[in-house]
């Protein structure tokens, strides 16, 4: 409960119109780190929240700064990656052993994660510029929040313990099931959709229990976020550092790590008892509030 009260407070804070400042202050880095960490593995879309928060903070009014901020919003995902390493280290070690043929289960899980990663990797490379140009705005985010919220309200009911007992385990993921989950992850390239949302639902569609779906979603997310982060760093990292500096990048990443660790631990415990429905109502409410702010000119598309 404490986590969700904190999550609500951060969300409300991100909606407050603050004084415009085209540079990234330590306060901005901390706020963005908290928002990234709390939302990356929760089915509400970290990208949508970061776009909204960066506008509320008045960041990136100049094109050069806007580009640097957009890169920063991807790179601080390193904090979320570190959180998965911290919480799910045993699975990562098992996959590492599997890479060298010392764990059959680890090799199978590693193969499933890689197969599920491929669709998003291919589509992301092909459509990166189109997505950046047409979808990184608040109207596309609002649409995705609304649609995803309705989907969660309909399909995000509390898991039936009897059904959960019959759910598949990650060791049961074959190529077809991995591609189902990976194919749905492609949808999350639309900002506001939520990678966690579609991959968890993908796992459920493939027959996995809620717990296994969430765990596989986090492991897949770690690979996806790592690839996206290094791709951004190689292409635009130098420009970002020249505009924003290194200190606040490190600060934001560290804060995102702590916040994501709290979110991951809380998310697993919450979903065992309550399901995804609450997040659906949150997404719909946030879509409505953001629409009002857009129509009133408090934030810009």
Protein backbone atom coordinates (compact mmCIF):
# COMPACT_ATOMS: atom_id res chain seq x y z
CA UNK A 1 0.00 0.00 0.00
CA UNK A 2 2.84 2.40 0.81
CA UNK A 3 4.28 1.84 -2.65
CA UNK A 4 1.01 2.74 -4.37
CA UNK A 5 0.53 5.87 -2.24
CA UNK A 6 4.05 6.93 -3.20
CA UNK A 7 3.31 6.10 -6.83
CA UNK A 8 0.17 8.26 -6.74
CA UNK A 9 2.02 11.18 -5.14
CA UNK A 10 4.76 11.07 -7.76
CA UNK A 11 2.17 10.93 -10.54
CA UNK A 12 0.31 13.93 -9.14
CA UNK A 13 3.57 15.84 -8.72
CA UNK A 14 4.48 15.15 -12.33
CA UNK A 15 1.29 16.90 -13.42
CA UNK A 16 2.09 20.16 -11.62
CA UNK A 17 3.22 22.95 -13.99
CA UNK A 18 6.65 24.04 -12.75
CA UNK A 19 8.89 26.87 -13.82
CA UNK A 20 10.47 26.25 -17.20
CA UNK A 21 14.18 25.42 -17.18
CA UNK A 22 15.88 24.06 -20.26
CA UNK A 23 18.78 22.59 -18.26
CA UNK A 24 18.65 19.47 -16.14
CA UNK A 25 18.98 20.24 -12.43
CA UNK A 26 19.62 17.74 -9.65
CA UNK A 27 15.97 18.06 -8.64
CA UNK A 28 14.89 17.23 -12.20
CA UNK A 29 17.22 14.21 -12.27
CA UNK A 30 15.79 12.91 -8.99
CA UNK A 31 12.17 13.37 -10.06
CA UNK A 32 12.75 11.70 -13.45
CA UNK A 33 14.65 8.87 -11.75
CA UNK A 34 11.79 8.23 -9.33
CA UNK A 35 9.20 8.30 -12.11
CA UNK A 36 11.28 5.96 -14.30
CA UNK A 37 11.92 3.52 -11.49
CA UNK A 38 8.35 3.36 -10.23
CA UNK A 39 6.78 3.01 -13.68
CA UNK A 40 9.21 0.91 -15.76
CA UNK A 41 7.96 -2.48 -14.53
CA UNK A 42 4.42 -1.37 -13.70
CA UNK A 43 1.80 -1.60 -16.51
CA UNK A 44 1.26 2.16 -16.81
CA UNK A 45 4.04 3.11 -19.28
CA UNK A 46 7.24 4.68 -18.03
CA UNK A 47 7.74 6.45 -21.37
CA UNK A 48 4.37 8.17 -21.14
CA UNK A 49 5.02 9.26 -17.57
CA UNK A 50 8.50 10.53 -18.44
CA UNK A 51 7.22 12.55 -21.40
CA UNK A 52 4.55 14.11 -19.20
CA UNK A 53 6.94 14.73 -16.30
CA UNK A 54 9.63 16.30 -18.48
CA UNK A 55 7.01 18.72 -19.80
CA UNK A 56 5.79 19.51 -16.29
CA UNK A 57 9.40 20.26 -15.34
CA UNK A 58 9.71 22.59 -18.33
CA UNK A 59 12.56 20.64 -19.91
CA UNK A 60 13.62 20.68 -23.53
CA UNK A 61 11.97 23.71 -25.11
CA UNK A 62 14.96 24.11 -27.45
CA UNK A 63 15.39 21.35 -30.09
CA UNK A 64 18.96 20.50 -29.01
CA UNK A 65 17.97 20.19 -25.36
CA UNK A 66 14.80 18.25 -26.26
CA UNK A 67 16.88 15.69 -28.15
CA UNK A 68 19.28 15.37 -25.20
CA UNK A 69 16.38 14.94 -22.77
CA UNK A 70 14.80 12.24 -24.94
CA UNK A 71 18.11 10.35 -24.92
CA UNK A 72 18.40 10.84 -21.15
CA UNK A 73 14.92 9.38 -20.64
CA UNK A 74 16.11 6.17 -22.31
CA UNK A 75 19.53 5.98 -20.69
CA UNK A 76 18.29 6.22 -17.09
CA UNK A 77 16.62 2.88 -17.75
CA UNK A 78 19.98 1.49 -16.64
CA UNK A 79 18.65 1.97 -13.11
CA UNK A 80 15.66 -0.23 -13.87
CA UNK A 81 17.97 -2.84 -15.40
CA UNK A 82 20.06 -2.88 -12.22
CA UNK A 83 16.90 -3.47 -10.18
CA UNK A 84 16.12 -6.66 -12.11
CA UNK A 85 19.70 -7.82 -11.66
CA UNK A 86 19.34 -7.22 -7.92
CA UNK A 87 15.99 -9.00 -7.53
CA UNK A 88 16.30 -11.77 -10.14
CA UNK A 89 20.01 -12.51 -9.96
CA UNK A 90 19.41 -16.26 -9.60
CA UNK A 91 17.69 -16.42 -13.00
CA UNK A 92 20.45 -14.38 -14.63
CA UNK A 93 23.09 -16.67 -13.14
CA UNK A 94 21.15 -19.69 -14.38
CA UNK A 95 21.03 -18.20 -17.89
CA UNK A 96 24.76 -17.41 -17.70
CA UNK A 97 25.48 -21.04 -16.84
CA UNK A 98 23.17 -22.11 -19.66
CA UNK A 99 25.19 -20.00 -22.09
CA UNK A 100 28.16 -22.29 -21.42
CA UNK A 101 26.13 -25.49 -21.40
CA UNK A 102 26.20 -25.93 -17.63
CA UNK A 103 22.45 -25.54 -17.03
CA UNK A 104 19.79 -27.02 -19.30
CA UNK A 105 17.05 -24.92 -17.66
CA UNK A 106 19.20 -21.81 -17.99
CA UNK A 107 19.90 -22.45 -21.67
CA UNK A 108 16.18 -22.96 -22.33
CA UNK A 109 15.22 -19.75 -20.51
CA UNK A 110 17.96 -17.76 -22.25
CA UNK A 111 16.75 -19.03 -25.62
CA UNK A 112 13.16 -18.10 -24.83
CA UNK A 113 14.16 -14.57 -23.78
CA UNK A 114 16.25 -14.05 -26.93
CA UNK A 115 13.48 -15.32 -29.21
CA UNK A 116 10.95 -13.05 -27.50
CA UNK A 117 13.32 -10.10 -27.89
CA UNK A 118 13.84 -10.46 -31.66
CA UNK A 119 10.51 -9.02 -32.95
CA UNK A 120 10.90 -5.73 -31.04
CA UNK A 121 14.56 -5.47 -32.02
CA UNK A 122 13.76 -5.80 -35.73
CA UNK A 123 10.75 -3.47 -35.71
CA UNK A 124 12.56 -0.96 -33.51
CA UNK A 125 15.46 -0.66 -35.94
CA UNK A 126 13.10 -0.29 -38.90
CA UNK A 127 10.70 2.23 -37.37
CA UNK A 128 12.84 4.14 -34.86
CA UNK A 129 12.78 7.47 -36.71
CA UNK A 130 9.08 7.22 -37.52
CA UNK A 131 8.24 6.48 -33.88
CA UNK A 132 10.39 9.37 -32.61
CA UNK A 133 8.84 11.75 -35.12
CA UNK A 134 5.15 10.88 -34.84
CA UNK A 135 4.51 9.07 -31.54
CA UNK A 136 6.65 10.84 -28.93
CA UNK A 137 3.91 13.26 -27.96
CA UNK A 138 1.18 13.40 -25.37
CA UNK A 139 -1.81 12.77 -27.66
CA UNK A 140 -0.48 9.35 -28.78
CA UNK A 141 0.36 8.62 -25.12
CA UNK A 142 -3.16 9.55 -23.97
CA UNK A 143 -4.67 7.25 -26.60
CA UNK A 144 -2.44 4.36 -25.48
CA UNK A 145 -3.18 4.99 -21.80
CA UNK A 146 -6.89 4.90 -22.48
CA UNK A 147 -6.91 1.77 -24.66
CA UNK A 148 -4.55 -0.10 -22.35
CA UNK A 149 -6.54 0.97 -19.32
CA UNK A 150 -9.78 -0.37 -20.74
CA UNK A 151 -8.02 -3.64 -21.63
CA UNK A 152 -6.78 -4.02 -18.06
CA UNK A 153 -10.19 -3.27 -16.58
CA UNK A 154 -11.68 -6.02 -18.77
CA UNK A 155 -8.91 -8.64 -18.55
CA UNK A 156 -6.96 -7.69 -15.45
CA UNK A 157 -9.10 -9.40 -12.84
CA UNK A 158 -7.65 -11.01 -9.72
CA UNK A 159 -6.02 -14.34 -10.66
CA UNK A 160 -8.04 -17.43 -9.81
CA UNK A 161 -5.85 -19.56 -7.49
CA UNK A 162 -7.10 -22.75 -9.16
CA UNK A 163 -6.19 -21.45 -12.61
CA UNK A 164 -2.83 -20.24 -11.31
CA UNK A 165 -2.01 -23.73 -10.10
CA UNK A 166 -2.59 -25.01 -13.63
CA UNK A 167 -0.60 -22.22 -15.30
CA UNK A 168 2.55 -23.06 -17.24
CA UNK A 169 6.05 -22.40 -15.96
CA UNK A 170 8.85 -20.61 -17.79
CA UNK A 171 10.40 -23.99 -18.57
CA UNK A 172 7.29 -24.67 -20.69
CA UNK A 173 7.88 -21.68 -23.00
CA UNK A 174 8.55 -22.97 -26.49
CA UNK A 175 9.36 -20.98 -29.63
CA UNK A 176 5.70 -20.31 -30.41
CA UNK A 177 4.94 -19.00 -26.92
CA UNK A 178 8.08 -16.85 -26.91
CA UNK A 179 7.08 -15.31 -30.23
CA UNK A 180 3.58 -14.55 -28.92
CA UNK A 181 5.06 -12.62 -26.01
CA UNK A 182 7.71 -10.99 -28.19
CA UNK A 183 5.20 -10.07 -30.87
CA UNK A 184 3.05 -8.30 -28.32
CA UNK A 185 6.10 -6.44 -27.03
CA UNK A 186 6.26 -4.73 -30.44
CA UNK A 187 3.00 -2.96 -29.57
CA UNK A 188 4.77 -1.33 -26.62
CA UNK A 189 6.91 0.70 -29.03
CA UNK A 190 3.89 3.02 -29.13
CA UNK A 191 4.63 5.32 -26.14
CA UNK A 192 2.06 5.02 -23.40
CA UNK A 193 1.27 1.36 -24.11
CA UNK A 194 3.61 -0.13 -21.46
CA UNK A 195 6.04 -2.89 -22.27
CA UNK A 196 5.25 -4.57 -18.95
CA UNK A 197 1.53 -4.55 -19.72
CA UNK A 198 1.74 -6.25 -23.10
CA UNK A 199 4.39 -8.79 -22.11
CA UNK A 200 2.55 -9.81 -18.94
CA UNK A 201 -0.68 -10.17 -20.93
CA UNK A 202 1.34 -12.02 -23.57
CA UNK A 203 2.57 -14.47 -20.97
CA UNK A 204 -0.97 -15.01 -19.76
CA UNK A 205 -2.14 -15.52 -23.35
CA UNK A 206 0.61 -18.11 -23.78
CA UNK A 207 -0.72 -19.98 -20.74
CA UNK A 208 1.77 -18.92 -18.06
CA UNK A 209 0.69 -18.29 -14.48
CA UNK A 210 0.63 -14.66 -13.34
CA UNK A 211 3.82 -15.10 -11.31
CA UNK A 212 5.70 -16.70 -14.22
CA UNK A 213 4.34 -14.10 -16.66
CA UNK A 214 5.59 -11.26 -14.48
CA UNK A 215 9.02 -12.84 -13.97
CA UNK A 216 9.48 -13.53 -17.68
CA UNK A 217 8.30 -9.99 -18.47
CA UNK A 218 10.97 -8.55 -16.17
CA UNK A 219 13.73 -10.75 -17.62
CA UNK A 220 12.71 -9.89 -21.18
CA UNK A 221 12.50 -6.24 -20.19
CA UNK A 222 16.06 -6.32 -18.90
CA UNK A 223 17.37 -7.48 -22.28
CA UNK A 224 15.14 -5.06 -24.21
CA UNK A 225 16.06 -2.06 -22.05
CA UNK A 226 19.76 -2.92 -22.17
CA UNK A 227 19.71 -3.06 -25.96
CA UNK A 228 17.72 0.19 -26.25
CA UNK A 229 19.99 1.98 -23.78
CA UNK A 230 23.26 1.04 -25.47
CA UNK A 231 21.80 1.79 -28.90
CA UNK A 232 20.87 5.31 -27.73
CA UNK A 233 24.23 5.80 -26.03
CA UNK A 234 26.17 4.81 -29.14
CA UNK A 235 24.12 7.07 -31.38
CA UNK A 236 23.40 10.12 -29.23
CA UNK A 237 25.17 9.61 -25.91
CA UNK A 238 27.96 12.09 -26.60
CA UNK A 239 25.52 14.85 -27.55
CA UNK A 240 23.47 14.17 -24.42
CA UNK A 241 26.51 14.40 -22.15
CA UNK A 242 27.66 17.66 -23.79
CA UNK A 243 24.24 19.25 -23.15
CA UNK A 244 23.31 17.74 -19.78
CA UNK A 245 26.59 16.59 -18.23
CA UNK A 246 27.40 13.34 -16.43
CA UNK A 247 26.61 14.12 -12.79
CA UNK A 248 22.82 14.24 -13.11
CA UNK A 249 22.80 11.22 -15.41
CA UNK A 250 24.47 9.20 -12.66
CA UNK A 251 22.13 10.68 -10.03
CA UNK A 252 18.98 9.92 -12.04
CA UNK A 253 20.15 6.39 -12.79
CA UNK A 254 20.87 5.67 -9.13
CA UNK A 255 17.48 7.00 -8.02
CA UNK A 256 15.79 4.95 -10.77
CA UNK A 257 17.55 1.84 -9.46
CA UNK A 258 16.24 2.29 -5.92
CA UNK A 259 12.72 3.19 -7.08
CA UNK A 260 12.60 0.27 -9.55
CA UNK A 261 13.77 -2.16 -6.87
CA UNK A 262 10.87 -1.06 -4.65
CA UNK A 263 8.45 -1.29 -7.58
CA UNK A 264 9.55 -4.78 -8.65
CA UNK A 265 9.30 -6.20 -5.14
CA UNK A 266 5.92 -4.54 -4.53
CA UNK A 267 4.54 -5.43 -7.95
CA UNK A 268 5.07 -9.17 -7.53
CA UNK A 269 3.53 -9.18 -4.05
CA UNK A 270 0.55 -7.10 -5.19
CA UNK A 271 -0.28 -9.12 -8.30
CA UNK A 272 -0.41 -12.36 -6.35
CA UNK A 273 -3.47 -11.01 -4.52
CA UNK A 274 -5.10 -8.34 -6.67
CA UNK A 275 -4.42 -8.69 -10.40
CA UNK A 276 -3.98 -5.82 -12.87
CA UNK A 277 -7.42 -4.19 -12.73
CA UNK A 278 -6.43 -1.25 -10.51
CA UNK A 279 -3.80 -0.17 -13.01
CA UNK A 280 -6.51 -0.03 -15.68
CA UNK A 281 -8.53 2.51 -13.70
CA UNK A 282 -5.35 4.49 -13.03
CA UNK A 283 -4.50 4.62 -16.75
CA UNK A 284 -7.99 5.77 -17.71
CA UNK A 285 -7.96 8.46 -15.01
CA UNK A 286 -4.52 9.66 -16.09
CA UNK A 287 -5.63 9.79 -19.73
CA UNK A 288 -8.62 11.95 -18.77
CA UNK A 289 -6.54 14.32 -16.61
CA UNK A 290 -3.85 14.68 -19.27
CA UNK A 291 -6.49 15.38 -21.92
CA UNK A 292 -7.84 18.21 -19.77
CA UNK A 293 -4.32 19.63 -19.33
CA UNK A 294 -3.74 19.45 -23.08
CA UNK A 295 -7.03 21.15 -23.93
CA UNK A 296 -6.30 23.91 -21.41
CA UNK A 297 -2.78 24.44 -22.82
CA UNK A 298 -1.06 23.60 -19.49
CA UNK A 299 1.00 20.97 -21.32
CA UNK A 300 1.68 20.77 -25.05
CA UNK A 301 1.18 17.88 -27.46
